Amino acid sequence: MSGTFSRNTPVGAIDPLGLITWPSRYFEITGPFGEQRGREVHTGTDIRNPRGEPMFATESGTVISVSHSTRGGNQIVIQNDDGSISGSAHTAPAPGTAAGVRVREGQTIGVSDGSGTTGAGTPVRPHLHQTYRLCRNCPKTDLYEQFRKEQQRERRQLDMERQRLGERKS
Protein backbone atom coordinates (compact mmCIF):
# COMPACT_ATOMS: atom_id res chain seq x y z
CA MET A 1 0.00 0.00 0.00
CA SER A 2 2.94 2.31 0.62
CA GLY A 3 3.39 4.84 -2.15
CA THR A 4 -0.08 4.35 -3.59
CA PHE A 5 -0.80 8.09 -3.72
CA SER A 6 2.40 10.13 -3.63
CA ARG A 7 1.46 13.53 -4.99
CA ASN A 8 0.68 16.91 -3.48
CA THR A 9 -2.91 18.01 -3.28
CA PRO A 10 -4.63 21.32 -2.56
CA VAL A 11 -5.68 22.12 0.99
CA GLY A 12 -8.85 20.28 1.97
CA ALA A 13 -8.90 18.20 -1.20
CA ILE A 14 -10.98 15.06 -1.43
CA ASP A 15 -8.87 11.91 -1.46
CA PRO A 16 -8.33 10.04 -4.75
CA LEU A 17 -11.21 7.67 -4.01
CA GLY A 18 -13.57 10.60 -3.41
CA LEU A 19 -14.38 9.42 0.10
CA ILE A 20 -13.16 11.98 2.63
CA THR A 21 -11.29 15.19 3.08
CA TRP A 22 -7.73 13.90 3.15
CA PRO A 23 -5.84 14.93 6.31
CA SER A 24 -2.60 15.88 4.52
CA ARG A 25 -1.25 17.40 1.31
CA TYR A 26 0.47 14.05 0.75
CA PHE A 27 -1.23 10.79 -0.29
CA GLU A 28 1.55 8.31 0.47
CA ILE A 29 0.48 5.77 3.09
CA THR A 30 3.64 4.64 4.86
CA GLY A 31 2.01 2.40 7.49
CA PRO A 32 -1.40 0.82 6.82
CA PHE A 33 -3.94 0.01 9.51
CA GLY A 34 -3.60 -3.56 10.81
CA GLU A 35 0.04 -3.94 9.79
CA GLN A 36 1.90 -6.39 12.05
CA ARG A 37 4.81 -4.65 13.83
CA GLY A 38 6.68 -7.19 15.91
CA ARG A 39 4.26 -8.22 18.66
CA GLU A 40 1.94 -5.27 17.99
CA VAL A 41 -0.67 -4.52 15.36
CA HIS A 42 -0.72 -0.97 13.95
CA THR A 43 -3.99 0.70 15.04
CA GLY A 44 -3.86 3.72 12.77
CA THR A 45 -2.88 4.79 9.27
CA ASP A 46 0.47 6.51 8.81
CA ILE A 47 0.59 9.12 6.06
CA ARG A 48 3.78 10.78 4.82
CA ASN A 49 3.77 14.35 6.12
CA PRO A 50 7.11 16.19 6.38
CA ARG A 51 7.86 18.26 9.48
CA GLY A 52 5.94 21.54 9.50
CA GLU A 53 3.34 20.43 6.93
CA PRO A 54 -0.30 21.14 7.83
CA MET A 55 -2.79 18.52 8.95
CA PHE A 56 -6.52 18.94 8.21
CA ALA A 57 -9.74 17.85 9.94
CA THR A 58 -11.27 14.98 7.95
CA GLU A 59 -14.78 15.88 9.19
CA SER A 60 -16.44 18.74 11.06
CA GLY A 61 -16.72 18.32 14.80
CA THR A 62 -15.45 19.41 18.21
CA VAL A 63 -11.92 18.97 19.55
CA ILE A 64 -12.19 16.81 22.66
CA SER A 65 -8.50 16.72 23.60
CA VAL A 66 -5.10 18.11 22.76
CA SER A 67 -2.45 16.15 24.64
CA HIS A 68 1.02 14.61 24.64
CA SER A 69 2.22 11.06 25.25
CA THR A 70 5.60 9.38 24.92
CA ARG A 71 4.54 7.12 22.02
CA GLY A 72 2.06 9.36 20.18
CA GLY A 73 3.80 12.65 20.86
CA ASN A 74 1.48 15.61 20.38
CA GLN A 75 -2.07 14.43 19.69
CA ILE A 76 -5.38 15.96 18.65
CA VAL A 77 -8.69 14.09 19.06
CA ILE A 78 -11.96 15.27 17.48
CA GLN A 79 -15.50 14.05 18.03
CA ASN A 80 -17.01 14.33 14.57
CA ASP A 81 -20.58 15.53 14.09
CA ASP A 82 -21.70 11.96 13.27
CA GLY A 83 -20.42 10.74 16.68
CA SER A 84 -17.27 9.08 15.33
CA ILE A 85 -13.86 9.97 16.76
CA SER A 86 -10.79 10.88 14.69
CA GLY A 87 -7.33 11.31 16.10
CA SER A 88 -4.02 12.61 14.83
CA ALA A 89 -0.69 11.86 16.47
CA HIS A 90 2.77 13.39 15.92
CA THR A 91 0.93 16.65 15.24
CA ALA A 92 1.49 19.97 17.01
CA PRO A 93 -1.82 21.81 17.36
CA ALA A 94 -2.38 24.90 15.22
CA PRO A 95 -3.07 28.17 17.07
CA GLY A 96 -6.63 28.05 18.35
CA THR A 97 -6.88 24.24 18.27
CA ALA A 98 -7.90 23.33 21.83
CA ALA A 99 -10.42 21.16 23.65
CA GLY A 100 -13.96 22.44 23.14
CA VAL A 101 -13.22 24.27 19.88
CA ARG A 102 -15.41 23.55 16.81
CA VAL A 103 -13.51 22.69 13.63
CA ARG A 104 -14.67 22.50 10.02
CA GLU A 105 -13.92 19.71 7.59
CA GLY A 106 -10.69 20.64 5.76
CA GLN A 107 -9.60 23.18 8.41
CA THR A 108 -5.91 23.16 9.41
CA ILE A 109 -5.81 21.79 12.95
CA GLY A 110 -2.08 21.15 13.34
CA VAL A 111 1.31 20.61 11.76
CA SER A 112 3.49 17.52 11.56
CA ASP A 113 6.15 17.76 14.26
CA GLY A 114 7.76 14.31 14.53
CA SER A 115 7.00 14.09 18.25
CA GLY A 116 6.72 10.68 19.92
CA THR A 117 8.58 7.37 19.75
CA THR A 118 8.29 3.97 18.08
CA GLY A 119 7.45 0.80 19.99
CA ALA A 120 11.21 0.28 20.34
CA GLY A 121 11.56 3.72 21.95
CA THR A 122 13.35 5.44 19.08
CA PRO A 123 12.12 8.85 17.85
CA VAL A 124 9.62 8.72 14.97
CA ARG A 125 10.22 10.36 11.63
CA PRO A 126 7.72 13.11 10.86
CA HIS A 127 4.45 11.67 9.61
CA LEU A 128 0.74 11.79 10.42
CA HIS A 129 -0.71 8.88 12.41
CA GLN A 130 -4.47 9.00 11.80
CA THR A 131 -6.91 6.95 13.91
CA TYR A 132 -10.67 6.45 13.70
CA ARG A 133 -13.37 5.04 16.00
CA LEU A 134 -17.04 4.65 15.12
CA CYS A 135 -17.91 5.89 18.64
CA ARG A 136 -16.10 7.11 21.74
CA ASN A 137 -15.82 3.65 23.36
CA CYS A 138 -15.49 1.65 20.13
CA PRO A 139 -12.18 0.02 19.16
CA LYS A 140 -9.99 1.74 16.60
CA THR A 141 -10.90 0.74 13.08
CA ASP A 142 -9.60 1.31 9.55
CA LEU A 143 -10.79 4.84 8.78
CA TYR A 144 -10.51 4.44 5.05
CA GLU A 145 -12.40 1.12 5.00
CA GLN A 146 -15.25 2.79 6.92
CA PHE A 147 -15.43 5.58 4.36
CA ARG A 148 -15.41 3.08 1.49
CA LYS A 149 -18.43 1.39 3.09
CA GLU A 150 -20.10 4.78 3.57
CA GLN A 151 -19.52 5.64 -0.08
CA GLN A 152 -21.06 2.33 -1.16
CA ARG A 153 -24.16 3.05 0.96
CA GLU A 154 -24.44 6.54 -0.55
CA ARG A 155 -24.13 5.13 -4.07
CA ARG A 156 -26.91 2.62 -3.38
CA GLN A 157 -29.14 5.41 -2.03
CA LEU A 158 -28.38 7.56 -5.09
CA ASP A 159 -29.16 4.65 -7.43
CA MET A 160 -32.48 4.06 -5.63
CA GLU A 161 -33.34 7.77 -5.89
CA ARG A 162 -32.49 7.78 -9.62
CA GLN A 163 -34.71 4.74 -10.13
CA ARG A 164 -37.53 6.40 -8.19
CA LEU A 165 -37.24 9.59 -10.26
CA GLY A 166 -37.03 7.57 -13.47
CA GLU A 167 -40.19 5.69 -12.55
CA ARG A 168 -41.98 8.97 -11.78
CA LYS A 169 -41.17 10.36 -15.28
CA SER A 170 -42.80 7.38 -17.01
C-alpha atoms as a PDB file:
ATOM      1  CA  MET A   1       0.000   0.000   0.000  1.00  0.00           C
ATOM      2  CA  SER A   2       2.943   2.312   0.622  1.00  0.00           C
ATOM      3  CA  GLY A   3       3.393   4.839  -2.151  1.00  0.00           C
ATOM      4  CA  THR A   4      -0.081   4.355  -3.592  1.00  0.00           C
ATOM      5  CA  PHE A   5      -0.798   8.094  -3.719  1.00  0.00           C
ATOM      6  CA  SER A   6       2.401  10.125  -3.631  1.00  0.00           C
ATOM      7  CA  ARG A   7       1.455  13.527  -4.994  1.00  0.00           C
ATOM      8  CA  ASN A   8       0.684  16.906  -3.485  1.00  0.00           C
ATOM      9  CA  THR A   9      -2.906  18.009  -3.283  1.00  0.00           C
ATOM     10  CA  PRO A  10      -4.633  21.325  -2.560  1.00  0.00           C
ATOM     11  CA  VAL A  11      -5.676  22.123   0.987  1.00  0.00           C
ATOM     12  CA  GLY A  12      -8.848  20.282   1.966  1.00  0.00           C
ATOM     13  CA  ALA A  13      -8.897  18.198  -1.205  1.00  0.00           C
ATOM     14  CA  ILE A  14     -10.981  15.058  -1.429  1.00  0.00           C
ATOM     15  CA  ASP A  15      -8.872  11.913  -1.457  1.00  0.00           C
ATOM     16  CA  PRO A  16      -8.332  10.043  -4.749  1.00  0.00           C
ATOM     17  CA  LEU A  17     -11.214   7.671  -4.009  1.00  0.00           C
ATOM     18  CA  GLY A  18     -13.571  10.601  -3.414  1.00  0.00           C
ATOM     19  CA  LEU A  19     -14.378   9.424   0.104  1.00  0.00           C
ATOM     20  CA  ILE A  20     -13.159  11.980   2.626  1.00  0.00           C
ATOM     21  CA  THR A  21     -11.288  15.192   3.082  1.00  0.00           C
ATOM     22  CA  TRP A  22      -7.731  13.899   3.146  1.00  0.00           C
ATOM     23  CA  PRO A  23      -5.838  14.932   6.314  1.00  0.00           C
ATOM     24  CA  SER A  24      -2.597  15.880   4.517  1.00  0.00           C
ATOM     25  CA  ARG A  25      -1.254  17.404   1.314  1.00  0.00           C
ATOM     26  CA  TYR A  26       0.467  14.051   0.750  1.00  0.00           C
ATOM     27  CA  PHE A  27      -1.229  10.791  -0.288  1.00  0.00           C
ATOM     28  CA  GLU A  28       1.547   8.312   0.470  1.00  0.00           C
ATOM     29  CA  ILE A  29       0.476   5.768   3.089  1.00  0.00           C
ATOM     30  CA  THR A  30       3.636   4.641   4.859  1.00  0.00           C
ATOM     31  CA  GLY A  31       2.007   2.402   7.487  1.00  0.00           C
ATOM     32  CA  PRO A  32      -1.396   0.817   6.820  1.00  0.00           C
ATOM     33  CA  PHE A  33      -3.942   0.008   9.514  1.00  0.00           C
ATOM     34  CA  GLY A  34      -3.605  -3.561  10.808  1.00  0.00           C
ATOM     35  CA  GLU A  35       0.044  -3.943   9.786  1.00  0.00           C
ATOM     36  CA  GLN A  36       1.904  -6.394  12.051  1.00  0.00           C
ATOM     37  CA  ARG A  37       4.807  -4.652  13.830  1.00  0.00           C
ATOM     38  CA  GLY A  38       6.681  -7.187  15.915  1.00  0.00           C
ATOM     39  CA  ARG A  39       4.265  -8.219  18.657  1.00  0.00           C
ATOM     40  CA  GLU A  40       1.935  -5.274  17.994  1.00  0.00           C
ATOM     41  CA  VAL A  41      -0.672  -4.521  15.358  1.00  0.00           C
ATOM     42  CA  HIS A  42      -0.724  -0.971  13.954  1.00  0.00           C
ATOM     43  CA  THR A  43      -3.989   0.696  15.039  1.00  0.00           C
ATOM     44  CA  GLY A  44      -3.858   3.721  12.768  1.00  0.00           C
ATOM     45  CA  THR A  45      -2.884   4.793   9.267  1.00  0.00           C
ATOM     46  CA  ASP A  46       0.475   6.510   8.809  1.00  0.00           C
ATOM     47  CA  ILE A  47       0.594   9.125   6.065  1.00  0.00           C
ATOM     48  CA  ARG A  48       3.781  10.776   4.820  1.00  0.00           C
ATOM     49  CA  ASN A  49       3.766  14.346   6.124  1.00  0.00           C
ATOM     50  CA  PRO A  50       7.112  16.192   6.385  1.00  0.00           C
ATOM     51  CA  ARG A  51       7.861  18.260   9.482  1.00  0.00           C
ATOM     52  CA  GLY A  52       5.939  21.543   9.498  1.00  0.00           C
ATOM     53  CA  GLU A  53       3.341  20.427   6.928  1.00  0.00           C
ATOM     54  CA  PRO A  54      -0.295  21.140   7.832  1.00  0.00           C
ATOM     55  CA  MET A  55      -2.788  18.520   8.953  1.00  0.00           C
ATOM     56  CA  PHE A  56      -6.518  18.936   8.206  1.00  0.00           C
ATOM     57  CA  ALA A  57      -9.737  17.854   9.938  1.00  0.00           C
ATOM     58  CA  THR A  58     -11.266  14.976   7.950  1.00  0.00           C
ATOM     59  CA  GLU A  59     -14.776  15.883   9.192  1.00  0.00           C
ATOM     60  CA  SER A  60     -16.438  18.742  11.056  1.00  0.00           C
ATOM     61  CA  GLY A  61     -16.716  18.320  14.805  1.00  0.00           C
ATOM     62  CA  THR A  62     -15.449  19.409  18.213  1.00  0.00           C
ATOM     63  CA  VAL A  63     -11.919  18.974  19.547  1.00  0.00           C
ATOM     64  CA  ILE A  64     -12.191  16.806  22.664  1.00  0.00           C
ATOM     65  CA  SER A  65      -8.499  16.720  23.596  1.00  0.00           C
ATOM     66  CA  VAL A  66      -5.100  18.109  22.762  1.00  0.00           C
ATOM     67  CA  SER A  67      -2.451  16.147  24.644  1.00  0.00           C
ATOM     68  CA  HIS A  68       1.021  14.613  24.638  1.00  0.00           C
ATOM     69  CA  SER A  69       2.216  11.057  25.251  1.00  0.00           C
ATOM     70  CA  THR A  70       5.598   9.378  24.917  1.00  0.00           C
ATOM     71  CA  ARG A  71       4.538   7.122  22.019  1.00  0.00           C
ATOM     72  CA  GLY A  72       2.064   9.361  20.178  1.00  0.00           C
ATOM     73  CA  GLY A  73       3.804  12.645  20.857  1.00  0.00           C
ATOM     74  CA  ASN A  74       1.479  15.610  20.381  1.00  0.00           C
ATOM     75  CA  GLN A  75      -2.069  14.431  19.688  1.00  0.00           C
ATOM     76  CA  ILE A  76      -5.383  15.957  18.647  1.00  0.00           C
ATOM     77  CA  VAL A  77      -8.689  14.092  19.064  1.00  0.00           C
ATOM     78  CA  ILE A  78     -11.959  15.273  17.475  1.00  0.00           C
ATOM     79  CA  GLN A  79     -15.497  14.049  18.034  1.00  0.00           C
ATOM     80  CA  ASN A  80     -17.009  14.331  14.569  1.00  0.00           C
ATOM     81  CA  ASP A  81     -20.576  15.532  14.090  1.00  0.00           C
ATOM     82  CA  ASP A  82     -21.699  11.961  13.275  1.00  0.00           C
ATOM     83  CA  GLY A  83     -20.418  10.741  16.681  1.00  0.00           C
ATOM     84  CA  SER A  84     -17.273   9.080  15.330  1.00  0.00           C
ATOM     85  CA  ILE A  85     -13.863   9.967  16.763  1.00  0.00           C
ATOM     86  CA  SER A  86     -10.788  10.875  14.690  1.00  0.00           C
ATOM     87  CA  GLY A  87      -7.327  11.309  16.104  1.00  0.00           C
ATOM     88  CA  SER A  88      -4.020  12.613  14.833  1.00  0.00           C
ATOM     89  CA  ALA A  89      -0.690  11.864  16.471  1.00  0.00           C
ATOM     90  CA  HIS A  90       2.774  13.386  15.920  1.00  0.00           C
ATOM     91  CA  THR A  91       0.927  16.649  15.236  1.00  0.00           C
ATOM     92  CA  ALA A  92       1.492  19.971  17.008  1.00  0.00           C
ATOM     93  CA  PRO A  93      -1.823  21.814  17.356  1.00  0.00           C
ATOM     94  CA  ALA A  94      -2.383  24.899  15.216  1.00  0.00           C
ATOM     95  CA  PRO A  95      -3.069  28.166  17.067  1.00  0.00           C
ATOM     96  CA  GLY A  96      -6.633  28.052  18.346  1.00  0.00           C
ATOM     97  CA  THR A  97      -6.882  24.245  18.272  1.00  0.00           C
ATOM     98  CA  ALA A  98      -7.898  23.332  21.825  1.00  0.00           C
ATOM     99  CA  ALA A  99     -10.420  21.165  23.648  1.00  0.00           C
ATOM    100  CA  GLY A 100     -13.963  22.436  23.137  1.00  0.00           C
ATOM    101  CA  VAL A 101     -13.224  24.269  19.875  1.00  0.00           C
ATOM    102  CA  ARG A 102     -15.408  23.550  16.811  1.00  0.00           C
ATOM    103  CA  VAL A 103     -13.513  22.690  13.632  1.00  0.00           C
ATOM    104  CA  ARG A 104     -14.671  22.502  10.023  1.00  0.00           C
ATOM    105  CA  GLU A 105     -13.922  19.710   7.589  1.00  0.00           C
ATOM    106  CA  GLY A 106     -10.692  20.643   5.756  1.00  0.00           C
ATOM    107  CA  GLN A 107      -9.600  23.182   8.406  1.00  0.00           C
ATOM    108  CA  THR A 108      -5.914  23.163   9.413  1.00  0.00           C
ATOM    109  CA  ILE A 109      -5.808  21.794  12.952  1.00  0.00           C
ATOM    110  CA  GLY A 110      -2.079  21.147  13.335  1.00  0.00           C
ATOM    111  CA  VAL A 111       1.313  20.607  11.758  1.00  0.00           C
ATOM    112  CA  SER A 112       3.492  17.524  11.563  1.00  0.00           C
ATOM    113  CA  ASP A 113       6.148  17.757  14.261  1.00  0.00           C
ATOM    114  CA  GLY A 114       7.764  14.307  14.527  1.00  0.00           C
ATOM    115  CA  SER A 115       7.002  14.087  18.254  1.00  0.00           C
ATOM    116  CA  GLY A 116       6.720  10.681  19.916  1.00  0.00           C
ATOM    117  CA  THR A 117       8.584   7.371  19.747  1.00  0.00           C
ATOM    118  CA  THR A 118       8.288   3.972  18.077  1.00  0.00           C
ATOM    119  CA  GLY A 119       7.454   0.799  19.991  1.00  0.00           C
ATOM    120  CA  ALA A 120      11.208   0.280  20.344  1.00  0.00           C
ATOM    121  CA  GLY A 121      11.560   3.717  21.953  1.00  0.00           C
ATOM    122  CA  THR A 122      13.354   5.435  19.080  1.00  0.00           C
ATOM    123  CA  PRO A 123      12.116   8.849  17.845  1.00  0.00           C
ATOM    124  CA  VAL A 124       9.622   8.718  14.974  1.00  0.00           C
ATOM    125  CA  ARG A 125      10.222  10.358  11.631  1.00  0.00           C
ATOM    126  CA  PRO A 126       7.724  13.112  10.860  1.00  0.00           C
ATOM    127  CA  HIS A 127       4.448  11.675   9.608  1.00  0.00           C
ATOM    128  CA  LEU A 128       0.741  11.792  10.423  1.00  0.00           C
ATOM    129  CA  HIS A 129      -0.710   8.879  12.411  1.00  0.00           C
ATOM    130  CA  GLN A 130      -4.467   9.001  11.800  1.00  0.00           C
ATOM    131  CA  THR A 131      -6.908   6.953  13.912  1.00  0.00           C
ATOM    132  CA  TYR A 132     -10.669   6.448  13.699  1.00  0.00           C
ATOM    133  CA  ARG A 133     -13.366   5.035  15.998  1.00  0.00           C
ATOM    134  CA  LEU A 134     -17.035   4.652  15.121  1.00  0.00           C
ATOM    135  CA  CYS A 135     -17.914   5.888  18.638  1.00  0.00           C
ATOM    136  CA  ARG A 136     -16.096   7.113  21.744  1.00  0.00           C
ATOM    137  CA  ASN A 137     -15.815   3.655  23.356  1.00  0.00           C
ATOM    138  CA  CYS A 138     -15.492   1.650  20.130  1.00  0.00           C
ATOM    139  CA  PRO A 139     -12.180   0.019  19.165  1.00  0.00           C
ATOM    140  CA  LYS A 140      -9.991   1.742  16.600  1.00  0.00           C
ATOM    141  CA  THR A 141     -10.895   0.742  13.076  1.00  0.00           C
ATOM    142  CA  ASP A 142      -9.595   1.312   9.547  1.00  0.00           C
ATOM    143  CA  LEU A 143     -10.788   4.840   8.783  1.00  0.00           C
ATOM    144  CA  TYR A 144     -10.514   4.436   5.047  1.00  0.00           C
ATOM    145  CA  GLU A 145     -12.401   1.124   4.999  1.00  0.00           C
ATOM    146  CA  GLN A 146     -15.248   2.789   6.918  1.00  0.00           C
ATOM    147  CA  PHE A 147     -15.425   5.583   4.364  1.00  0.00           C
ATOM    148  CA  ARG A 148     -15.412   3.080   1.491  1.00  0.00           C
ATOM    149  CA  LYS A 149     -18.433   1.389   3.094  1.00  0.00           C
ATOM    150  CA  GLU A 150     -20.096   4.780   3.573  1.00  0.00           C
ATOM    151  CA  GLN A 151     -19.525   5.643  -0.079  1.00  0.00           C
ATOM    152  CA  GLN A 152     -21.060   2.327  -1.159  1.00  0.00           C
ATOM    153  CA  ARG A 153     -24.164   3.049   0.958  1.00  0.00           C
ATOM    154  CA  GLU A 154     -24.437   6.537  -0.554  1.00  0.00           C
ATOM    155  CA  ARG A 155     -24.130   5.133  -4.075  1.00  0.00           C
ATOM    156  CA  ARG A 156     -26.913   2.619  -3.378  1.00  0.00           C
ATOM    157  CA  GLN A 157     -29.140   5.409  -2.034  1.00  0.00           C
ATOM    158  CA  LEU A 158     -28.380   7.564  -5.088  1.00  0.00           C
ATOM    159  CA  ASP A 159     -29.163   4.654  -7.430  1.00  0.00           C
ATOM    160  CA  MET A 160     -32.476   4.057  -5.631  1.00  0.00           C
ATOM    161  CA  GLU A 161     -33.336   7.774  -5.885  1.00  0.00           C
ATOM    162  CA  ARG A 162     -32.490   7.777  -9.618  1.00  0.00           C
ATOM    163  CA  GLN A 163     -34.707   4.742 -10.134  1.00  0.00           C
ATOM    164  CA  ARG A 164     -37.533   6.395  -8.185  1.00  0.00           C
ATOM    165  CA  LEU A 165     -37.238   9.586 -10.255  1.00  0.00           C
ATOM    166  CA  GLY A 166     -37.035   7.572 -13.467  1.00  0.00           C
ATOM    167  CA  GLU A 167     -40.187   5.693 -12.554  1.00  0.00           C
ATOM    168  CA  ARG A 168     -41.976   8.966 -11.779  1.00  0.00           C
ATOM    169  CA  LYS A 169     -41.167  10.356 -15.284  1.00  0.00           C
ATOM    170  CA  SER A 170     -42.803   7.377 -17.013  1.00  0.00           C
END
